[in-house]
Amino acid sequence: MKIAVGADHAGFPMNKMIVQELQAAGHEVVDFGADRGDLPDDYPDYAKLVAEAVQAGRVERGLLVCGSGVGVTAAANKFRGIRACMCHDAYSAHQGVEHDNMNVLCLGARVIGPSLAIDLVHTFLNARFTGEERHLRRLSKIHTIEDNWCVKESHDK
């Protein structure tokens, strides 16, 4: 599977570990950084790069890491068609894909440890959308919300 990954300075060490794990498992990884963990940077920049790669179909799924997981989740979900979820338990990591067609997994490097992170990544990547009618109906409603309420030039002040 081709996967885009990105992390800010707080997620840098976990991101590097995830990249190594993914490559060892035979996945093709597009790593958007960060390249260092000692320089402050901004998580929306990495969320944008990963979300755009998923949105454009250049990758099948995305992974984002910041300190809490909250910031990258909020930023990635601003992109049409992106269903980014912060998951710190296995049930959410697979159910989010199976029922909600989640396409970006977000993790908090200051919240979970490396072993759990790796388990969650594998759980997320091994899960498949069921395509059941009730799930398709719900996703259609999400698409309608995006179509009706997501304005390209709207910014919180």
Protein backbone atom coordinates (compact mmCIF):
# COMPACT_ATOMS: atom_id res chain seq x y z
CA MET A 1 0.00 0.00 0.00
CA LYS A 2 1.21 3.54 -0.72
CA ILE A 3 0.95 5.69 2.41
CA ALA A 4 1.63 9.37 3.08
CA VAL A 5 3.01 10.24 6.51
CA GLY A 6 3.74 13.52 8.22
CA ALA A 7 4.50 14.86 11.65
CA ASP A 8 5.47 18.08 13.35
CA HIS A 9 8.45 18.38 15.69
CA ALA A 10 6.51 16.77 18.56
CA GLY A 11 5.63 13.76 16.42
CA PHE A 12 9.01 13.50 14.71
CA PRO A 13 10.50 10.55 16.67
CA MET A 14 7.29 8.49 16.43
CA ASN A 15 6.92 9.32 12.75
CA LYS A 16 10.42 8.07 11.97
CA MET A 17 9.70 4.82 13.83
CA ILE A 18 6.41 4.41 11.90
CA VAL A 19 8.15 5.02 8.56
CA GLN A 20 10.72 2.33 9.33
CA GLU A 21 7.98 -0.10 10.37
CA LEU A 22 5.94 0.57 7.23
CA GLN A 23 8.93 0.14 4.94
CA ALA A 24 9.90 -3.10 6.71
CA ALA A 25 6.34 -4.35 6.11
CA GLY A 26 6.71 -3.65 2.38
CA HIS A 27 4.63 -0.48 2.12
CA GLU A 28 5.63 2.42 -0.11
CA VAL A 29 5.96 5.51 2.06
CA VAL A 30 5.77 9.14 1.04
CA ASP A 31 7.31 10.93 4.03
CA PHE A 32 6.50 14.64 4.19
CA GLY A 33 8.55 15.17 7.35
CA ALA A 34 9.35 16.78 9.67
CA ASP A 35 13.00 16.19 9.04
CA ARG A 36 14.07 17.21 12.56
CA GLY A 37 12.51 17.17 15.97
CA ASP A 38 14.47 20.05 17.48
CA LEU A 39 13.01 22.89 15.42
CA PRO A 40 9.53 24.23 16.09
CA ASP A 41 7.19 23.95 13.14
CA ASP A 42 3.46 23.93 12.51
CA TYR A 43 1.32 20.80 12.33
CA PRO A 44 -1.15 22.25 9.76
CA ASP A 45 1.64 22.29 7.17
CA TYR A 46 2.09 18.51 7.44
CA ALA A 47 -1.64 17.83 7.65
CA LYS A 48 -2.08 19.78 4.40
CA LEU A 49 0.57 17.78 2.55
CA VAL A 50 -0.79 14.41 3.68
CA ALA A 51 -4.43 15.39 3.11
CA GLU A 52 -3.70 16.66 -0.39
CA ALA A 53 -1.88 13.43 -1.29
CA VAL A 54 -4.84 11.33 -0.11
CA GLN A 55 -7.36 13.70 -1.69
CA ALA A 56 -5.60 13.54 -5.08
CA GLY A 57 -5.29 9.74 -4.98
CA ARG A 58 -1.49 9.80 -5.01
CA VAL A 59 -1.60 7.56 -1.92
CA GLU A 60 -4.20 5.16 -0.54
CA ARG A 61 -4.09 6.33 3.07
CA GLY A 62 -2.42 8.85 5.33
CA LEU A 63 -0.86 8.93 8.79
CA LEU A 64 -0.27 12.07 10.85
CA VAL A 65 1.45 12.53 14.19
CA CYS A 66 1.63 15.56 16.46
CA GLY A 67 1.94 15.90 20.21
CA SER A 68 -1.69 15.19 21.08
CA GLY A 69 -3.11 14.08 17.72
CA VAL A 70 -5.79 16.75 18.02
CA GLY A 71 -4.19 19.45 15.89
CA VAL A 72 -3.42 17.26 12.88
CA THR A 73 -6.92 15.77 13.07
CA ALA A 74 -8.56 19.20 13.02
CA ALA A 75 -6.35 20.44 10.17
CA ALA A 76 -6.68 17.36 7.96
CA ASN A 77 -10.46 17.32 8.27
CA LYS A 78 -10.64 20.74 6.60
CA PHE A 79 -10.01 19.03 3.26
CA ARG A 80 -12.92 17.66 1.23
CA GLY A 81 -13.03 13.89 1.22
CA ILE A 82 -10.67 13.50 4.13
CA ARG A 83 -11.92 11.51 7.06
CA ALA A 84 -9.12 11.89 9.59
CA CYS A 85 -9.58 10.41 13.05
CA MET A 86 -7.43 10.38 16.12
CA CYS A 87 -7.32 6.83 17.39
CA HIS A 88 -5.61 5.68 20.54
CA ASP A 89 -7.36 2.30 20.72
CA ALA A 90 -7.55 -0.64 18.31
CA TYR A 91 -11.35 -0.68 18.04
CA SER A 92 -11.49 2.88 16.71
CA ALA A 93 -8.56 2.26 14.35
CA HIS A 94 -10.34 -0.57 12.54
CA GLN A 95 -13.97 0.47 13.02
CA GLY A 96 -13.22 3.93 11.65
CA VAL A 97 -12.17 2.33 8.37
CA GLU A 98 -14.80 -0.41 8.30
CA HIS A 99 -17.79 1.85 8.99
CA ASP A 100 -16.66 5.40 8.20
CA ASN A 101 -14.09 4.82 5.46
CA MET A 102 -11.49 6.71 7.49
CA ASN A 103 -8.54 7.49 5.25
CA VAL A 104 -6.15 9.29 7.61
CA LEU A 105 -5.05 7.98 11.01
CA CYS A 106 -3.90 10.62 13.50
CA LEU A 107 -1.80 9.80 16.56
CA GLY A 108 -0.61 11.72 19.60
CA ALA A 109 3.07 11.06 20.25
CA ARG A 110 2.81 12.51 23.77
CA VAL A 111 -0.26 10.40 24.53
CA ILE A 112 0.58 6.86 23.41
CA GLY A 113 3.74 4.80 23.35
CA PRO A 114 5.60 3.31 20.41
CA SER A 115 4.22 -0.24 20.69
CA LEU A 116 0.62 0.92 20.72
CA ALA A 117 1.32 3.30 17.83
CA ILE A 118 2.66 0.46 15.69
CA ASP A 119 -0.31 -1.77 16.58
CA LEU A 120 -2.73 1.02 15.65
CA VAL A 121 -1.00 1.67 12.34
CA HIS A 122 -1.21 -2.02 11.38
CA THR A 123 -4.82 -2.23 12.54
CA PHE A 124 -5.72 0.84 10.46
CA LEU A 125 -3.94 -0.39 7.34
CA ASN A 126 -5.38 -3.91 7.54
CA ALA A 127 -8.96 -2.71 7.92
CA ARG A 128 -11.25 -2.44 4.90
CA PHE A 129 -14.43 -0.42 4.36
CA THR A 130 -17.43 -2.77 4.43
CA GLY A 131 -19.45 -0.83 1.88
CA GLU A 132 -22.67 -1.75 3.68
CA GLU A 133 -25.72 0.29 2.67
CA ARG A 134 -26.03 1.99 6.07
CA HIS A 135 -22.39 3.11 5.94
CA LEU A 136 -22.71 4.33 2.35
CA ARG A 137 -25.84 6.28 3.35
CA ARG A 138 -23.99 7.95 6.21
CA LEU A 139 -20.99 8.82 4.03
CA SER A 140 -23.36 10.32 1.49
CA LYS A 141 -24.66 12.61 4.22
CA ILE A 142 -21.10 13.66 5.05
CA HIS A 143 -20.51 14.46 1.38
CA THR A 144 -23.70 16.54 1.35
CA ILE A 145 -22.46 18.47 4.38
CA GLU A 146 -19.15 19.12 2.60
CA ASP A 147 -20.94 20.23 -0.56
CA ASN A 148 -23.33 22.55 1.28
CA TRP A 149 -21.22 23.98 4.05
CA CYS A 150 -17.53 23.86 3.16
CA VAL A 151 -16.62 27.20 1.65
CA LYS A 152 -13.16 27.47 0.09
CA GLU A 153 -12.37 30.94 1.44
CA SER A 154 -13.78 30.60 4.95
CA HIS A 155 -11.27 31.02 7.80
CA ASP A 156 -11.73 31.22 11.54
CA LYS A 157 -10.56 34.56 12.89
